[in-house]
Each structure stands twice: as structure tokens, then as C-alpha cells.
Amino acid sequence: MSELQYGDQLPSLLLEYKNSNKGFEQGKKLVEYLALNRQNQHAELILDFGIFVAQNSPKKLSDVTYGHLTEEFFYAALDLKQLDWA
């Protein structure tokens, strides 16, 4: 993740995510980048990916390895006042 800390990687990560048709690894990189760089103005992207994961791969949400993503999805849902998803 260290290479994502330098420079603005958002455009390339967003393009990679969209081109992958919401691929899990690409979405994970995007959410981690946004969380790391305090990009909470993109809560809609984080929640969109969280909803996709919840609907298509719910087992990943309970995986300890991805626990930090679940927290980001929760905060994004709260930011967007999507209490059902939170």
C-alpha cells in the first residue's frame, strides 16, 4: 500500500475499479486508498462497493482480513445517512 501514499492515485484506481466491473481486489485498493488519504468526500464510492460486496460476497465481510473495509463501509453509510446499510 505504500506506493499509494504518494501522489494522487485516485483517478487510476477509480478507472481500474470501473474497468474491472466492481472487482473485489480493485475495490479493496480503492477503499483502502480513500480511507488512508481521508478522502471521506467519496463516501458514495465506498458505500457502493460495500453494497456490492454485501450482495455478492457477504462472507468477505466477516473475514478478519477485510474487517477494516467493513468499518469503512459502515462510516460511509452513516455519512450518507443510509441507516439500513449501516
C-alpha atoms as a PDB file:
ATOM      1  CA  MET A   1       0.000   0.000   0.000  1.00  0.00           C
ATOM      2  CA  SER A   2       2.968   2.320   0.444  1.00  0.00           C
ATOM      3  CA  GLU A   3       3.089   3.244  -3.243  1.00  0.00           C
ATOM      4  CA  LEU A   4      -0.466   4.568  -2.920  1.00  0.00           C
ATOM      5  CA  GLN A   5       0.521   7.020  -0.219  1.00  0.00           C
ATOM      6  CA  TYR A   6       2.426   9.196  -2.661  1.00  0.00           C
ATOM      7  CA  GLY A   7       0.739  11.296  -5.295  1.00  0.00           C
ATOM      8  CA  ASP A   8      -2.852  11.272  -6.390  1.00  0.00           C
ATOM      9  CA  GLN A   9      -3.698   7.695  -7.296  1.00  0.00           C
ATOM     10  CA  LEU A  10      -7.470   8.251  -7.199  1.00  0.00           C
ATOM     11  CA  PRO A  11      -8.018   8.641 -10.965  1.00  0.00           C
ATOM     12  CA  SER A  12      -6.088   5.484 -11.844  1.00  0.00           C
ATOM     13  CA  LEU A  13      -7.632   3.435  -9.008  1.00  0.00           C
ATOM     14  CA  LEU A  14     -11.123   4.597  -9.938  1.00  0.00           C
ATOM     15  CA  LEU A  15     -10.573   3.711 -13.593  1.00  0.00           C
ATOM     16  CA  GLU A  16      -9.172   0.305 -12.627  1.00  0.00           C
ATOM     17  CA  TYR A  17     -12.210  -0.324 -10.395  1.00  0.00           C
ATOM     18  CA  LYS A  18     -14.714   0.689 -13.066  1.00  0.00           C
ATOM     19  CA  ASN A  19     -12.936  -1.333 -15.770  1.00  0.00           C
ATOM     20  CA  SER A  20     -12.936  -4.417 -13.547  1.00  0.00           C
ATOM     21  CA  ASN A  21     -16.738  -4.260 -13.266  1.00  0.00           C
ATOM     22  CA  LYS A  22     -16.512  -3.780  -9.494  1.00  0.00           C
ATOM     23  CA  GLY A  23     -13.803  -6.373  -8.991  1.00  0.00           C
ATOM     24  CA  PHE A  24     -13.166  -7.107  -5.334  1.00  0.00           C
ATOM     25  CA  GLU A  25      -9.399  -6.541  -5.351  1.00  0.00           C
ATOM     26  CA  GLN A  26      -9.722  -3.289  -7.297  1.00  0.00           C
ATOM     27  CA  GLY A  27     -12.499  -2.077  -4.985  1.00  0.00           C
ATOM     28  CA  LYS A  28     -10.445  -3.023  -1.948  1.00  0.00           C
ATOM     29  CA  LYS A  29      -7.482  -0.973  -3.224  1.00  0.00           C
ATOM     30  CA  LEU A  30      -9.769   1.991  -3.918  1.00  0.00           C
ATOM     31  CA  VAL A  31     -11.414   1.897  -0.461  1.00  0.00           C
ATOM     32  CA  GLU A  32      -8.047   1.488   1.276  1.00  0.00           C
ATOM     33  CA  TYR A  33      -6.653   4.461  -0.650  1.00  0.00           C
ATOM     34  CA  LEU A  34      -9.658   6.630   0.173  1.00  0.00           C
ATOM     35  CA  ALA A  35      -9.533   5.652   3.851  1.00  0.00           C
ATOM     36  CA  LEU A  36      -5.781   6.151   4.086  1.00  0.00           C
ATOM     37  CA  ASN A  37      -5.922   9.578   2.499  1.00  0.00           C
ATOM     38  CA  ARG A  38      -9.002  10.740   4.418  1.00  0.00           C
ATOM     39  CA  GLN A  39     -10.994  11.048   1.216  1.00  0.00           C
ATOM     40  CA  ASN A  40     -14.331  10.820   3.019  1.00  0.00           C
ATOM     41  CA  GLN A  41     -15.879  13.082   0.402  1.00  0.00           C
ATOM     42  CA  HIS A  42     -16.084   9.896  -1.672  1.00  0.00           C
ATOM     43  CA  ALA A  43     -18.384   8.074   0.725  1.00  0.00           C
ATOM     44  CA  GLU A  44     -20.699   7.191  -2.160  1.00  0.00           C
ATOM     45  CA  LEU A  45     -17.930   5.165  -3.846  1.00  0.00           C
ATOM     46  CA  ILE A  46     -17.115   3.352  -0.621  1.00  0.00           C
ATOM     47  CA  LEU A  47     -20.759   2.566   0.103  1.00  0.00           C
ATOM     48  CA  ASP A  48     -21.379   1.473  -3.490  1.00  0.00           C
ATOM     49  CA  PHE A  49     -18.561  -1.059  -3.190  1.00  0.00           C
ATOM     50  CA  GLY A  50     -19.754  -2.092   0.270  1.00  0.00           C
ATOM     51  CA  ILE A  51     -23.252  -2.785  -1.039  1.00  0.00           C
ATOM     52  CA  PHE A  52     -21.800  -4.739  -3.952  1.00  0.00           C
ATOM     53  CA  VAL A  53     -19.722  -6.888  -1.587  1.00  0.00           C
ATOM     54  CA  ALA A  54     -22.648  -7.390   0.799  1.00  0.00           C
ATOM     55  CA  GLN A  55     -24.894  -8.549  -2.033  1.00  0.00           C
ATOM     56  CA  ASN A  56     -22.375 -10.670  -3.944  1.00  0.00           C
ATOM     57  CA  SER A  57     -19.726 -11.856  -1.461  1.00  0.00           C
ATOM     58  CA  PRO A  58     -21.146 -11.460   2.053  1.00  0.00           C
ATOM     59  CA  LYS A  59     -18.640 -13.953   3.500  1.00  0.00           C
ATOM     60  CA  LYS A  60     -15.867 -11.435   2.824  1.00  0.00           C
ATOM     61  CA  LEU A  61     -17.466  -9.029   5.306  1.00  0.00           C
ATOM     62  CA  SER A  62     -16.917 -11.451   8.166  1.00  0.00           C
ATOM     63  CA  ASP A  63     -13.327 -12.274   7.127  1.00  0.00           C
ATOM     64  CA  VAL A  64     -10.900 -10.795   9.676  1.00  0.00           C
ATOM     65  CA  THR A  65      -8.523  -9.868   6.849  1.00  0.00           C
ATOM     66  CA  TYR A  66     -11.119  -7.469   5.462  1.00  0.00           C
ATOM     67  CA  GLY A  67     -12.534  -6.189   8.757  1.00  0.00           C
ATOM     68  CA  HIS A  68     -11.198  -2.693   8.185  1.00  0.00           C
ATOM     69  CA  LEU A  69     -13.233  -2.474   4.968  1.00  0.00           C
ATOM     70  CA  THR A  70     -16.421  -3.260   6.852  1.00  0.00           C
ATOM     71  CA  GLU A  71     -15.668  -0.332   9.135  1.00  0.00           C
ATOM     72  CA  GLU A  72     -15.196   1.963   6.127  1.00  0.00           C
ATOM     73  CA  PHE A  73     -18.496   0.763   4.643  1.00  0.00           C
ATOM     74  CA  PHE A  74     -20.218   1.498   7.955  1.00  0.00           C
ATOM     75  CA  TYR A  75     -18.818   5.037   8.185  1.00  0.00           C
ATOM     76  CA  ALA A  76     -19.703   5.742   4.553  1.00  0.00           C
ATOM     77  CA  ALA A  77     -23.282   4.574   5.162  1.00  0.00           C
ATOM     78  CA  LEU A  78     -23.515   6.850   8.192  1.00  0.00           C
ATOM     79  CA  ASP A  79     -22.078   9.800   6.250  1.00  0.00           C
ATOM     80  CA  LEU A  80     -24.711   9.285   3.560  1.00  0.00           C
ATOM     81  CA  LYS A  81     -27.477   8.707   6.131  1.00  0.00           C
ATOM     82  CA  GLN A  82     -28.084   5.200   4.789  1.00  0.00           C
ATOM     83  CA  LEU A  83     -29.009   3.743   8.150  1.00  0.00           C
ATOM     84  CA  ASP A  84     -30.347   0.490   6.681  1.00  0.00           C
ATOM     85  CA  TRP A  85     -26.913  -0.253   5.208  1.00  0.00           C
ATOM     86  CA  ALA A  86     -25.075   0.931   8.320  1.00  0.00           C
END
